[in-house]
Amino acid sequence: MVNRPLKNVGEAAETRRYVSNSLRLVKTARKRSLRAVNEHSEPVFNAPFLLPRGATQVVFQQPAKASRSALLLTLLLASGLAQAQHAVDEDGFKQPLQHLHFNPGLDQREFERSSLDALQVYDPLESWNRRVYHFNYRFDQWLFLPIVNGYRTVTPNLVQSGVSNFFNNLGDVPNLLNSLLQLKAKRSLQTGARLLLNTTVGVAGLWDPATRINLPKQREDFGQTLGFYGAPAGPYLMLPLLGPSNLRDSGGLVVDFSAKSQINLLNVAAASVSHPEISLLEVVDQRSTVNFRYGQLNSPFEYEKIRFVYHESRKLLIAE
């Protein structure tokens, strides 16, 4: 039997009375059995020569019949006590569905529609975007990540940190330009000071002393600048190798790349034309610093989730 809580106060009081009466009967039975033993036992004289003169050793022998009767009565009372502790009624948790009450006013279709609307992003090219998404998934899995893992394996952590700092310093050029275009004076001063300090004291950006003096990196791109002035995001796009974007942000990528090439800080852009391995190293470094992996969400709706997260994150960056 499975223990269950008592249903009400009346049942609890009745059980306590039953237990109390059972214990009282047990005590009474024990007293009667001892009285019967004392009345019906005969003395047995055992080795009188070992005792002092005038002393007699008396041993009382309990009749077997009286002992068996008392034991039987005790077992019966104990079984009744056990039954009092364990309920014989059916356990109320065996059929939980009978206690559920559904709201008849709930419109399931309206609930599903509201949930889907929250995930809706303008995606007229969804069929094409899904093909690109699967291409990126396989490219990342079969080629890109093995290269990144090999780079991490053979490159010391100190060198990886220096490479990341170097390319991040070059990325502060479009950050500064877009901060100025958005008329963010404080952010522009911070980014400009960061760029100057890391380029000089940080030895061409290999070291990042600006972060140590509370000048953190703040990302701004031309897509955010367009959004800052009210340009709509446009249709969602999944770019080959580059991942999620939209029409506005894709145009912003072109402008930022052109601005970085025209300024040509430290002559890196010009050197990359004759040494494409520099650009390849930048791409591998950027991928190694991104923790996202295709398929890590373990969901058949990963495409929709990535699309929604990207859309909402860009809105937050523009409003920042």
C-alpha atoms as a PDB file:
ATOM      1  CA  MET A   1       0.000   0.000   0.000  1.00  0.00           C
ATOM      2  CA  VAL A   2       1.185   3.545  -0.737  1.00  0.00           C
ATOM      3  CA  ASN A   3       1.031   6.158   2.002  1.00  0.00           C
ATOM      4  CA  ARG A   4      -1.068   9.205   1.209  1.00  0.00           C
ATOM      5  CA  PRO A   5      -2.050  12.279   3.219  1.00  0.00           C
ATOM      6  CA  LEU A   6      -5.319  12.108   5.193  1.00  0.00           C
ATOM      7  CA  LYS A   7      -8.240  13.732   3.459  1.00  0.00           C
ATOM      8  CA  ASN A   8      -9.671  15.783   6.345  1.00  0.00           C
ATOM      9  CA  VAL A   9      -9.475  16.535  10.040  1.00  0.00           C
ATOM     10  CA  GLY A  10     -12.239  14.052  10.912  1.00  0.00           C
ATOM     11  CA  GLU A  11     -10.369  11.164   9.362  1.00  0.00           C
ATOM     12  CA  ALA A  12      -7.174  12.167  11.215  1.00  0.00           C
ATOM     13  CA  ALA A  13      -9.018  12.286  14.577  1.00  0.00           C
ATOM     14  CA  GLU A  14     -10.638   8.894  13.956  1.00  0.00           C
ATOM     15  CA  THR A  15      -7.253   7.365  13.165  1.00  0.00           C
ATOM     16  CA  ARG A  16      -5.707   8.761  16.362  1.00  0.00           C
ATOM     17  CA  ARG A  17      -8.556   7.301  18.443  1.00  0.00           C
ATOM     18  CA  TYR A  18      -8.084   3.930  16.779  1.00  0.00           C
ATOM     19  CA  VAL A  19      -4.343   3.952  17.452  1.00  0.00           C
ATOM     20  CA  SER A  20      -4.874   4.986  21.102  1.00  0.00           C
ATOM     21  CA  ASN A  21      -7.432   2.193  21.710  1.00  0.00           C
ATOM     22  CA  SER A  22      -5.130  -0.348  20.051  1.00  0.00           C
ATOM     23  CA  LEU A  23      -2.217   0.603  22.304  1.00  0.00           C
ATOM     24  CA  ARG A  24      -4.469   0.413  25.371  1.00  0.00           C
ATOM     25  CA  LEU A  25      -5.595  -3.109  24.414  1.00  0.00           C
ATOM     26  CA  VAL A  26      -1.972  -4.193  23.921  1.00  0.00           C
ATOM     27  CA  LYS A  27      -1.046  -3.027  27.431  1.00  0.00           C
ATOM     28  CA  THR A  28      -4.101  -4.766  28.937  1.00  0.00           C
ATOM     29  CA  ALA A  29      -3.260  -8.025  27.162  1.00  0.00           C
ATOM     30  CA  ARG A  30       0.309  -7.937  28.434  1.00  0.00           C
ATOM     31  CA  LYS A  31      -0.842  -7.407  32.019  1.00  0.00           C
ATOM     32  CA  ARG A  32      -3.333 -10.289  31.803  1.00  0.00           C
ATOM     33  CA  SER A  33      -0.732 -12.630  30.350  1.00  0.00           C
ATOM     34  CA  LEU A  34       1.746 -11.792  33.129  1.00  0.00           C
ATOM     35  CA  ARG A  35      -0.984 -12.319  35.756  1.00  0.00           C
ATOM     36  CA  ALA A  36      -1.817 -15.693  34.249  1.00  0.00           C
ATOM     37  CA  VAL A  37       1.836 -16.682  34.377  1.00  0.00           C
ATOM     38  CA  ASN A  38       2.129 -15.752  38.035  1.00  0.00           C
ATOM     39  CA  GLU A  39      -1.060 -17.618  38.966  1.00  0.00           C
ATOM     40  CA  HIS A  40      -0.490 -20.856  37.064  1.00  0.00           C
ATOM     41  CA  SER A  41       3.273 -21.287  37.326  1.00  0.00           C
ATOM     42  CA  GLU A  42       4.728 -23.816  39.716  1.00  0.00           C
ATOM     43  CA  PRO A  43       7.974 -23.301  41.617  1.00  0.00           C
ATOM     44  CA  VAL A  44      10.920 -25.454  40.643  1.00  0.00           C
ATOM     45  CA  PHE A  45      13.608 -26.146  43.194  1.00  0.00           C
ATOM     46  CA  ASN A  46      16.970 -26.172  41.491  1.00  0.00           C
ATOM     47  CA  ALA A  47      20.177 -27.309  43.230  1.00  0.00           C
ATOM     48  CA  PRO A  48      19.321 -26.517  46.879  1.00  0.00           C
ATOM     49  CA  PHE A  49      22.742 -27.715  47.998  1.00  0.00           C
ATOM     50  CA  LEU A  50      24.311 -24.694  46.305  1.00  0.00           C
ATOM     51  CA  LEU A  51      22.177 -22.175  48.181  1.00  0.00           C
ATOM     52  CA  PRO A  52      22.534 -20.927  51.751  1.00  0.00           C
ATOM     53  CA  ARG A  53      20.680 -22.722  54.461  1.00  0.00           C
ATOM     54  CA  GLY A  54      17.014 -21.795  54.532  1.00  0.00           C
ATOM     55  CA  ALA A  55      17.091 -20.228  50.992  1.00  0.00           C
ATOM     56  CA  THR A  56      15.105 -21.575  48.135  1.00  0.00           C
ATOM     57  CA  GLN A  57      15.590 -20.750  44.402  1.00  0.00           C
ATOM     58  CA  VAL A  58      12.254 -20.424  42.661  1.00  0.00           C
ATOM     59  CA  VAL A  59      12.019 -20.415  38.838  1.00  0.00           C
ATOM     60  CA  PHE A  60       8.650 -19.518  37.283  1.00  0.00           C
ATOM     61  CA  GLN A  61       7.817 -21.319  34.084  1.00  0.00           C
ATOM     62  CA  GLN A  62       5.330 -19.558  31.738  1.00  0.00           C
ATOM     63  CA  PRO A  63       2.749 -21.917  30.301  1.00  0.00           C
ATOM     64  CA  ALA A  64       3.095 -22.280  26.536  1.00  0.00           C
ATOM     65  CA  LYS A  65      -0.662 -21.842  25.976  1.00  0.00           C
ATOM     66  CA  ALA A  66      -0.848 -18.447  27.722  1.00  0.00           C
ATOM     67  CA  SER A  67       2.270 -17.250  25.839  1.00  0.00           C
ATOM     68  CA  ARG A  68       0.861 -18.208  22.461  1.00  0.00           C
ATOM     69  CA  SER A  69      -2.458 -16.478  23.208  1.00  0.00           C
ATOM     70  CA  ALA A  70      -0.764 -13.225  24.232  1.00  0.00           C
ATOM     71  CA  LEU A  71       1.485 -13.299  21.164  1.00  0.00           C
ATOM     72  CA  LEU A  72      -1.451 -13.892  18.844  1.00  0.00           C
ATOM     73  CA  LEU A  73      -3.434 -11.045  20.409  1.00  0.00           C
ATOM     74  CA  THR A  74      -0.438  -8.698  20.060  1.00  0.00           C
ATOM     75  CA  LEU A  75       0.012  -9.579  16.360  1.00  0.00           C
ATOM     76  CA  LEU A  76      -3.670  -8.961  15.654  1.00  0.00           C
ATOM     77  CA  LEU A  77      -3.586  -5.564  17.300  1.00  0.00           C
ATOM     78  CA  ALA A  78      -0.353  -4.643  15.462  1.00  0.00           C
ATOM     79  CA  SER A  79      -1.890  -5.595  12.121  1.00  0.00           C
ATOM     80  CA  GLY A  80      -4.876  -3.380  12.890  1.00  0.00           C
ATOM     81  CA  LEU A  81      -2.519  -0.526  13.746  1.00  0.00           C
ATOM     82  CA  ALA A  82      -0.692  -0.989  10.446  1.00  0.00           C
ATOM     83  CA  GLN A  83      -3.970  -0.869   8.577  1.00  0.00           C
ATOM     84  CA  ALA A  84      -4.820   2.377  10.361  1.00  0.00           C
ATOM     85  CA  GLN A  85      -1.558   3.932   9.193  1.00  0.00           C
ATOM     86  CA  HIS A  86      -2.052   2.892   5.558  1.00  0.00           C
ATOM     87  CA  ALA A  87      -5.116   4.127   3.748  1.00  0.00           C
ATOM     88  CA  VAL A  88      -7.190   1.628   1.882  1.00  0.00           C
ATOM     89  CA  ASP A  89      -8.732   4.272  -0.353  1.00  0.00           C
ATOM     90  CA  GLU A  90      -7.490   4.663  -3.900  1.00  0.00           C
ATOM     91  CA  ASP A  91      -4.569   7.013  -4.280  1.00  0.00           C
ATOM     92  CA  GLY A  92      -5.761  10.376  -5.642  1.00  0.00           C
ATOM     93  CA  PHE A  93      -2.613  10.814  -7.768  1.00  0.00           C
ATOM     94  CA  LYS A  94      -3.259   7.757  -9.916  1.00  0.00           C
ATOM     95  CA  GLN A  95      -5.648   9.624 -12.218  1.00  0.00           C
ATOM     96  CA  PRO A  96      -4.432  13.261 -12.349  1.00  0.00           C
ATOM     97  CA  LEU A  97      -6.245  14.087 -15.591  1.00  0.00           C
ATOM     98  CA  GLN A  98      -9.579  13.840 -13.805  1.00  0.00           C
ATOM     99  CA  HIS A  99      -8.621  16.880 -11.706  1.00  0.00           C
ATOM    100  CA  LEU A 100      -7.597  19.101 -14.634  1.00  0.00           C
ATOM    101  CA  HIS A 101      -9.979  21.845 -15.654  1.00  0.00           C
ATOM    102  CA  PHE A 102      -9.585  23.357 -19.126  1.00  0.00           C
ATOM    103  CA  ASN A 103     -10.617  26.894 -19.914  1.00  0.00           C
ATOM    104  CA  PRO A 104     -13.350  26.642 -22.563  1.00  0.00           C
ATOM    105  CA  GLY A 105     -12.822  30.315 -23.439  1.00  0.00           C
ATOM    106  CA  LEU A 106      -9.251  29.744 -24.628  1.00  0.00           C
ATOM    107  CA  ASP A 107      -8.960  30.197 -28.375  1.00  0.00           C
ATOM    108  CA  GLN A 108      -6.160  27.843 -29.394  1.00  0.00           C
ATOM    109  CA  ARG A 109      -5.995  29.226 -32.911  1.00  0.00           C
ATOM    110  CA  GLU A 110      -5.571  32.780 -31.616  1.00  0.00           C
ATOM    111  CA  PHE A 111      -2.819  31.606 -29.271  1.00  0.00           C
ATOM    112  CA  GLU A 112      -0.911  29.922 -32.106  1.00  0.00           C
ATOM    113  CA  ARG A 113      -1.338  32.912 -34.368  1.00  0.00           C
ATOM    114  CA  SER A 114       0.048  35.278 -31.725  1.00  0.00           C
ATOM    115  CA  SER A 115       3.028  33.020 -31.134  1.00  0.00           C
ATOM    116  CA  LEU A 116       3.823  32.852 -34.838  1.00  0.00           C
ATOM    117  CA  ASP A 117       3.443  36.598 -35.315  1.00  0.00           C
ATOM    118  CA  ALA A 118       6.131  37.151 -32.681  1.00  0.00           C
ATOM    119  CA  LEU A 119       8.598  35.208 -34.863  1.00  0.00           C
ATOM    120  CA  GLN A 120       7.617  36.750 -38.186  1.00  0.00           C
ATOM    121  CA  VAL A 121      10.393  38.546 -40.089  1.00  0.00           C
ATOM    122  CA  TYR A 122       9.972  39.892 -43.593  1.00  0.00           C
ATOM    123  CA  ASP A 123      11.560  37.111 -45.659  1.00  0.00           C
ATOM    124  CA  PRO A 124      10.213  37.041 -49.258  1.00  0.00           C
ATOM    125  CA  LEU A 125      13.307  35.116 -50.419  1.00  0.00           C
ATOM    126  CA  GLU A 126      12.937  32.391 -47.803  1.00  0.00           C
ATOM    127  CA  SER A 127      13.288  29.539 -50.297  1.00  0.00           C
ATOM    128  CA  TRP A 128      16.608  30.891 -51.588  1.00  0.00           C
ATOM    129  CA  ASN A 129      17.773  31.860 -48.106  1.00  0.00           C
ATOM    130  CA  ARG A 130      17.183  28.356 -46.829  1.00  0.00           C
ATOM    131  CA  ARG A 131      19.356  26.929 -49.612  1.00  0.00           C
ATOM    132  CA  VAL A 132      22.134  29.347 -48.714  1.00  0.00           C
ATOM    133  CA  TYR A 133      21.667  28.477 -45.053  1.00  0.00           C
ATOM    134  CA  HIS A 134      22.201  24.772 -45.776  1.00  0.00           C
ATOM    135  CA  PHE A 135      25.205  25.602 -47.960  1.00  0.00           C
ATOM    136  CA  ASN A 136      26.743  27.609 -45.119  1.00  0.00           C
ATOM    137  CA  TYR A 137      25.942  24.758 -42.722  1.00  0.00           C
ATOM    138  CA  ARG A 138      27.849  22.189 -44.826  1.00  0.00           C
ATOM    139  CA  PHE A 139      30.681  24.553 -45.717  1.00  0.00           C
ATOM    140  CA  ASP A 140      31.163  25.416 -42.062  1.00  0.00           C
ATOM    141  CA  GLN A 141      31.032  21.789 -41.007  1.00  0.00           C
ATOM    142  CA  TRP A 142      33.209  20.256 -43.710  1.00  0.00           C
ATOM    143  CA  LEU A 143      35.759  22.970 -44.520  1.00  0.00           C
ATOM    144  CA  PHE A 144      35.660  26.131 -42.445  1.00  0.00           C
ATOM    145  CA  LEU A 145      35.647  24.671 -38.925  1.00  0.00           C
ATOM    146  CA  PRO A 146      38.426  22.116 -39.648  1.00  0.00           C
ATOM    147  CA  ILE A 147      40.612  25.023 -40.812  1.00  0.00           C
ATOM    148  CA  VAL A 148      39.712  27.054 -37.727  1.00  0.00           C
ATOM    149  CA  ASN A 149      40.385  24.106 -35.410  1.00  0.00           C
ATOM    150  CA  GLY A 150      43.743  23.518 -37.091  1.00  0.00           C
ATOM    151  CA  TYR A 151      44.602  27.201 -36.681  1.00  0.00           C
ATOM    152  CA  ARG A 152      43.768  27.041 -32.985  1.00  0.00           C
ATOM    153  CA  THR A 153      45.811  23.870 -32.547  1.00  0.00           C
ATOM    154  CA  VAL A 154      49.063  25.037 -34.148  1.00  0.00           C
ATOM    155  CA  THR A 155      48.929  28.708 -33.087  1.00  0.00           C
ATOM    156  CA  PRO A 156      49.909  29.692 -29.532  1.00  0.00           C
ATOM    157  CA  ASN A 157      47.304  31.590 -27.567  1.00  0.00           C
ATOM    158  CA  LEU A 158      49.532  34.651 -27.339  1.00  0.00           C
ATOM    159  CA  VAL A 159      49.814  34.796 -31.121  1.00  0.00           C
ATOM    160  CA  GLN A 160      46.061  34.293 -31.565  1.00  0.00           C
ATOM    161  CA  SER A 161      45.415  37.168 -29.179  1.00  0.00           C
ATOM    162  CA  GLY A 162      47.827  39.418 -31.061  1.00  0.00           C
ATOM    163  CA  VAL A 163      46.238  38.599 -34.439  1.00  0.00           C
ATOM    164  CA  SER A 164      42.732  39.299 -33.090  1.00  0.00           C
ATOM    165  CA  ASN A 165      43.857  42.605 -31.569  1.00  0.00           C
ATOM    166  CA  PHE A 166      45.512  43.647 -34.838  1.00  0.00           C
ATOM    167  CA  PHE A 167      42.421  43.122 -36.987  1.00  0.00           C
ATOM    168  CA  ASN A 168      40.124  44.563 -34.314  1.00  0.00           C
ATOM    169  CA  ASN A 169      42.219  47.714 -34.363  1.00  0.00           C
ATOM    170  CA  LEU A 170      41.719  47.998 -38.128  1.00  0.00           C
ATOM    171  CA  GLY A 171      37.986  47.536 -37.567  1.00  0.00           C
ATOM    172  CA  ASP A 172      37.897  50.650 -35.396  1.00  0.00           C
ATOM    173  CA  VAL A 173      38.286  52.754 -38.547  1.00  0.00           C
ATOM    174  CA  PRO A 174      34.686  52.185 -39.773  1.00  0.00           C
ATOM    175  CA  ASN A 175      33.541  52.248 -36.138  1.00  0.00           C
ATOM    176  CA  LEU A 176      34.882  55.785 -35.796  1.00  0.00           C
ATOM    177  CA  LEU A 177      33.416  56.941 -39.114  1.00  0.00           C
ATOM    178  CA  ASN A 178      29.933  55.637 -38.323  1.00  0.00           C
ATOM    179  CA  SER A 179      30.008  57.093 -34.811  1.00  0.00           C
ATOM    180  CA  LEU A 180      30.731  60.475 -36.376  1.00  0.00           C
ATOM    181  CA  LEU A 181      27.972  60.019 -38.957  1.00  0.00           C
ATOM    182  CA  GLN A 182      25.483  59.257 -36.181  1.00  0.00           C
ATOM    183  CA  LEU A 183      26.598  62.363 -34.264  1.00  0.00           C
ATOM    184  CA  LYS A 184      27.576  60.329 -31.217  1.00  0.00           C
ATOM    185  CA  ALA A 185      30.197  62.652 -29.782  1.00  0.00           C
ATOM    186  CA  LYS A 186      31.167  60.662 -26.704  1.00  0.00           C
ATOM    187  CA  ARG A 187      31.417  57.390 -28.579  1.00  0.00           C
ATOM    188  CA  SER A 188      33.417  59.063 -31.348  1.00  0.00           C
ATOM    189  CA  LEU A 189      35.938  60.442 -28.837  1.00  0.00           C
ATOM    190  CA  GLN A 190      36.279  57.083 -27.119  1.00  0.00           C
ATOM    191  CA  THR A 191      36.736  55.181 -30.387  1.00  0.00           C
ATOM    192  CA  GLY A 192      39.222  57.755 -31.699  1.00  0.00           C
ATOM    193  CA  ALA A 193      41.265  57.624 -28.507  1.00  0.00           C
ATOM    194  CA  ARG A 194      41.162  53.845 -28.578  1.00  0.00           C
ATOM    195  CA  LEU A 195      42.368  53.738 -32.203  1.00  0.00           C
ATOM    196  CA  LEU A 196      45.226  56.161 -31.523  1.00  0.00           C
ATOM    197  CA  LEU A 197      46.366  54.451 -28.329  1.00  0.00           C
ATOM    198  CA  ASN A 198      46.309  50.914 -29.685  1.00  0.00           C
ATOM    199  CA  THR A 199      48.044  51.890 -32.935  1.00  0.00           C
ATOM    200  CA  THR A 200      50.925  53.616 -31.142  1.00  0.00           C
ATOM    201  CA  VAL A 201      51.374  52.222 -27.628  1.00  0.00           C
ATOM    202  CA  GLY A 202      49.840  48.900 -28.617  1.00  0.00           C
ATOM    203  CA  VAL A 203      52.426  48.390 -31.402  1.00  0.00           C
ATOM    204  CA  ALA A 204      50.161  48.556 -34.478  1.00  0.00           C
ATOM    205  CA  GLY A 205      47.286  47.070 -32.502  1.00  0.00           C
ATOM    206  CA  LEU A 206      48.982  43.817 -31.465  1.00  0.00           C
ATOM    207  CA  TRP A 207      48.286  44.776 -27.869  1.00  0.00           C
ATOM    208  CA  ASP A 208      45.102  46.325 -26.481  1.00  0.00           C
ATOM    209  CA  PRO A 209      46.031  48.841 -23.762  1.00  0.00           C
ATOM    210  CA  ALA A 210      42.843  50.859 -24.425  1.00  0.00           C
ATOM    211  CA  THR A 211      40.638  48.181 -22.881  1.00  0.00           C
ATOM    212  CA  ARG A 212      42.804  48.219 -19.752  1.00  0.00           C
ATOM    213  CA  ILE A 213      42.075  51.930 -19.213  1.00  0.00           C
ATOM    214  CA  ASN A 214      38.297  51.555 -19.676  1.00  0.00           C
ATOM    215  CA  LEU A 215      38.054  52.300 -23.403  1.00  0.00           C
ATOM    216  CA  PRO A 216      36.156  49.212 -24.583  1.00  0.00           C
ATOM    217  CA  LYS A 217      35.509  48.417 -28.209  1.00  0.00           C
ATOM    218  CA  GLN A 218      32.152  49.739 -29.455  1.00  0.00           C
ATOM    219  CA  ARG A 219      30.936  48.438 -32.783  1.00  0.00           C
ATOM    220  CA  GLU A 220      29.228  50.704 -35.294  1.00  0.00           C
ATOM    221  CA  ASP A 221      28.640  49.926 -38.974  1.00  0.00           C
ATOM    222  CA  PHE A 222      27.003  51.691 -41.879  1.00  0.00           C
ATOM    223  CA  GLY A 223      23.938  49.473 -41.603  1.00  0.00           C
ATOM    224  CA  GLN A 224      23.389  50.856 -38.101  1.00  0.00           C
ATOM    225  CA  THR A 225      23.938  54.357 -39.447  1.00  0.00           C
ATOM    226  CA  LEU A 226      21.217  53.853 -42.053  1.00  0.00           C
ATOM    227  CA  GLY A 227      18.902  52.446 -39.410  1.00  0.00           C
ATOM    228  CA  PHE A 228      19.708  55.355 -37.119  1.00  0.00           C
ATOM    229  CA  TYR A 229      18.301  57.710 -39.768  1.00  0.00           C
ATOM    230  CA  GLY A 230      15.191  55.607 -40.296  1.00  0.00           C
ATOM    231  CA  ALA A 231      16.103  53.395 -43.248  1.00  0.00           C
ATOM    232  CA  PRO A 232      14.035  50.179 -43.140  1.00  0.00           C
ATOM    233  CA  ALA A 233      15.785  46.860 -42.814  1.00  0.00           C
ATOM    234  CA  GLY A 234      14.320  45.470 -46.005  1.00  0.00           C
ATOM    235  CA  PRO A 235      14.018  41.767 -46.747  1.00  0.00           C
ATOM    236  CA  TYR A 236      15.974  39.258 -44.733  1.00  0.00           C
ATOM    237  CA  LEU A 237      19.006  37.793 -46.519  1.00  0.00           C
ATOM    238  CA  MET A 238      21.229  34.811 -45.793  1.00  0.00           C
ATOM    239  CA  LEU A 239      24.574  35.686 -47.359  1.00  0.00           C
ATOM    240  CA  PRO A 240      26.930  32.937 -48.570  1.00  0.00           C
ATOM    241  CA  LEU A 241      29.695  32.360 -45.989  1.00  0.00           C
ATOM    242  CA  LEU A 242      28.829  35.616 -44.152  1.00  0.00           C
ATOM    243  CA  GLY A 243      25.577  34.427 -42.582  1.00  0.00           C
ATOM    244  CA  PRO A 244      22.386  36.329 -41.647  1.00  0.00           C
ATOM    245  CA  SER A 245      21.839  39.891 -42.867  1.00  0.00           C
ATOM    246  CA  ASN A 246      19.245  42.051 -44.595  1.00  0.00           C
ATOM    247  CA  LEU A 247      19.211  44.400 -47.568  1.00  0.00           C
ATOM    248  CA  ARG A 248      20.164  47.470 -45.535  1.00  0.00           C
ATOM    249  CA  ASP A 249      22.989  45.761 -43.634  1.00  0.00           C
ATOM    250  CA  SER A 250      24.344  44.106 -46.792  1.00  0.00           C
ATOM    251  CA  GLY A 251      24.766  47.533 -48.381  1.00  0.00           C
ATOM    252  CA  GLY A 252      26.415  48.708 -45.179  1.00  0.00           C
ATOM    253  CA  LEU A 253      28.997  45.925 -45.413  1.00  0.00           C
ATOM    254  CA  VAL A 254      30.042  47.171 -48.864  1.00  0.00           C
ATOM    255  CA  VAL A 255      30.411  50.763 -47.614  1.00  0.00           C
ATOM    256  CA  ASP A 256      32.429  49.737 -44.542  1.00  0.00           C
ATOM    257  CA  PHE A 257      34.774  47.570 -46.617  1.00  0.00           C
ATOM    258  CA  SER A 258      35.309  50.375 -49.099  1.00  0.00           C
ATOM    259  CA  ALA A 259      36.009  52.902 -46.330  1.00  0.00           C
ATOM    260  CA  LYS A 260      38.567  50.641 -44.692  1.00  0.00           C
ATOM    261  CA  SER A 261      40.276  50.044 -48.034  1.00  0.00           C
ATOM    262  CA  GLN A 262      40.395  53.743 -48.907  1.00  0.00           C
ATOM    263  CA  ILE A 263      41.859  54.818 -45.576  1.00  0.00           C
ATOM    264  CA  ASN A 264      44.359  51.949 -45.773  1.00  0.00           C
ATOM    265  CA  LEU A 265      45.525  52.116 -42.157  1.00  0.00           C
ATOM    266  CA  LEU A 266      49.042  50.685 -41.754  1.00  0.00           C
ATOM    267  CA  ASN A 267      48.970  49.851 -45.488  1.00  0.00           C
ATOM    268  CA  VAL A 268      47.196  46.576 -44.730  1.00  0.00           C
ATOM    269  CA  ALA A 269      44.516  46.991 -47.420  1.00  0.00           C
ATOM    270  CA  ALA A 270      47.099  47.571 -50.140  1.00  0.00           C
ATOM    271  CA  ALA A 271      49.245  44.681 -48.942  1.00  0.00           C
ATOM    272  CA  SER A 272      46.246  42.352 -48.967  1.00  0.00           C
ATOM    273  CA  VAL A 273      45.937  42.770 -52.745  1.00  0.00           C
ATOM    274  CA  SER A 274      49.323  41.192 -53.374  1.00  0.00           C
ATOM    275  CA  HIS A 275      49.156  38.915 -50.321  1.00  0.00           C
ATOM    276  CA  PRO A 276      45.686  37.343 -50.136  1.00  0.00           C
ATOM    277  CA  GLU A 277      46.819  35.244 -47.182  1.00  0.00           C
ATOM    278  CA  ILE A 278      46.340  38.366 -45.037  1.00  0.00           C
ATOM    279  CA  SER A 279      42.662  38.465 -45.924  1.00  0.00           C
ATOM    280  CA  LEU A 280      42.407  34.700 -45.378  1.00  0.00           C
ATOM    281  CA  LEU A 281      43.979  35.067 -41.931  1.00  0.00           C
ATOM    282  CA  GLU A 282      41.481  37.809 -41.066  1.00  0.00           C
ATOM    283  CA  VAL A 283      38.552  35.598 -42.100  1.00  0.00           C
ATOM    284  CA  VAL A 284      39.854  32.621 -40.091  1.00  0.00           C
ATOM    285  CA  ASP A 285      40.464  34.837 -37.064  1.00  0.00           C
ATOM    286  CA  GLN A 286      36.951  36.284 -37.201  1.00  0.00           C
ATOM    287  CA  ARG A 287      35.438  32.801 -37.417  1.00  0.00           C
ATOM    288  CA  SER A 288      37.532  31.538 -34.523  1.00  0.00           C
ATOM    289  CA  THR A 289      36.237  34.309 -32.262  1.00  0.00           C
ATOM    290  CA  VAL A 290      32.580  33.518 -33.029  1.00  0.00           C
ATOM    291  CA  ASN A 291      31.217  30.736 -30.816  1.00  0.00           C
ATOM    292  CA  PHE A 292      28.128  30.058 -32.924  1.00  0.00           C
ATOM    293  CA  ARG A 293      27.943  26.653 -34.601  1.00  0.00           C
ATOM    294  CA  TYR A 294      25.300  25.576 -37.069  1.00  0.00           C
ATOM    295  CA  GLY A 295      23.091  22.921 -35.537  1.00  0.00           C
ATOM    296  CA  GLN A 296      23.974  23.791 -31.951  1.00  0.00           C
ATOM    297  CA  LEU A 297      20.384  24.822 -31.210  1.00  0.00           C
ATOM    298  CA  ASN A 298      19.316  21.221 -31.874  1.00  0.00           C
ATOM    299  CA  SER A 299      15.992  22.369 -33.264  1.00  0.00           C
ATOM    300  CA  PRO A 300      14.169  21.852 -36.589  1.00  0.00           C
ATOM    301  CA  PHE A 301      13.346  25.577 -36.420  1.00  0.00           C
ATOM    302  CA  GLU A 302      16.928  26.799 -36.206  1.00  0.00           C
ATOM    303  CA  TYR A 303      16.557  28.886 -39.371  1.00  0.00           C
ATOM    304  CA  GLU A 304      13.596  30.765 -37.900  1.00  0.00           C
ATOM    305  CA  LYS A 305      15.353  31.270 -34.565  1.00  0.00           C
ATOM    306  CA  ILE A 306      18.524  32.647 -36.151  1.00  0.00           C
ATOM    307  CA  ARG A 307      16.473  34.949 -38.345  1.00  0.00           C
ATOM    308  CA  PHE A 308      14.485  36.264 -35.374  1.00  0.00           C
ATOM    309  CA  VAL A 309      17.530  36.728 -33.113  1.00  0.00           C
ATOM    310  CA  TYR A 310      19.435  38.599 -35.823  1.00  0.00           C
ATOM    311  CA  HIS A 311      16.466  40.852 -36.560  1.00  0.00           C
ATOM    312  CA  GLU A 312      15.933  41.748 -32.901  1.00  0.00           C
ATOM    313  CA  SER A 313      19.631  42.209 -32.139  1.00  0.00           C
ATOM    314  CA  ARG A 314      20.011  44.713 -34.983  1.00  0.00           C
ATOM    315  CA  LYS A 315      17.066  46.680 -33.654  1.00  0.00           C
ATOM    316  CA  LEU A 316      18.714  46.859 -30.252  1.00  0.00           C
ATOM    317  CA  LEU A 317      22.069  47.945 -31.697  1.00  0.00           C
ATOM    318  CA  ILE A 318      20.446  50.735 -33.687  1.00  0.00           C
ATOM    319  CA  ALA A 319      18.506  51.959 -30.656  1.00  0.00           C
ATOM    320  CA  GLU A 320      21.626  51.869 -28.457  1.00  0.00           C
END
